[in-house]
Amino acid sequence: MTDSPQKPSKGSLQSEAFWKTKNMAELSRDEWESLCDGCGKCCCIRLEDEDTAAIYITDVACKLFDSEQCQCSDYPNRSKKVPDCVTLTPGNVAQLHWMPQTCAYRLVANGEDLPEYHHLVSGSRQTIHDAGMSVQEAVYSESDIDPDDIPNHIVIWPGEPDINEA
């Protein structure tokens, strides 16, 4: 995710379709950061069933998540302020099985194309929200939720499989 999402300009990253021609290790820092679709799903707290290792996603987001802007409120310092925040890299993204199924990083790592609502395809960062594929203004801050109540916030976001049907 970038600090200030902007619409790609003509002749920039959007027109090059770099995600189709480069592997993850070949991406520049700007290309890497631009892959983030801004859905916010990766900022939602997950719970793991100790017996089955099943991962459940909630509608409770990290304390740094800005639900209105649908991005981290302190992206450059997130790992310092939230020690368990995972920094995605070309080397680890394919191994993070808990990442959302709709995540652009995951899709590209798996050799799949970006969806039509992705800003690099549509030209607008608003498209993902209009398509209902983000958590914009649909989550609670972990600062406002009793930790014991988080299991009551398990949800299935659009585009994600029902863990019980898998």
Foldseek 3Di string as FASTA:
>chain_A
DDPDDDQDDPPPLLVVLVLQVDAQVPDDPVNVVLQFLLQLQLQFDWDADPVPRQIFTFLEGEQQADLQSSGGVCVVCVCVVPVVRDDDGSVCPCVPPPPFPLRSSNQSNVNHGHDCQRSSNVRDSCSCVVVQRHCRVPGHYPVPDDPVCRVVGTDAGPPGDDSVVD
